[in-house]
């Protein structure tokens, strides 16, 4: 299980990693996604580098 990570940033900003594989993490994201002050970023899945030419 991944823990939630919260980093306090300068300028009154917080960056957090939320484990969305669990219902509680998905609930947190749902509650935040329509807030004006919140910017959600989803990491891109890692590419399979074996198939690159």
Foldseek 3Di string as FASTA:
>chain_A
DDDKDWDQDPPRDIDIDFPPVDPVSVVVCVVPVPDPVDDDDDDDDDDDVVPDD
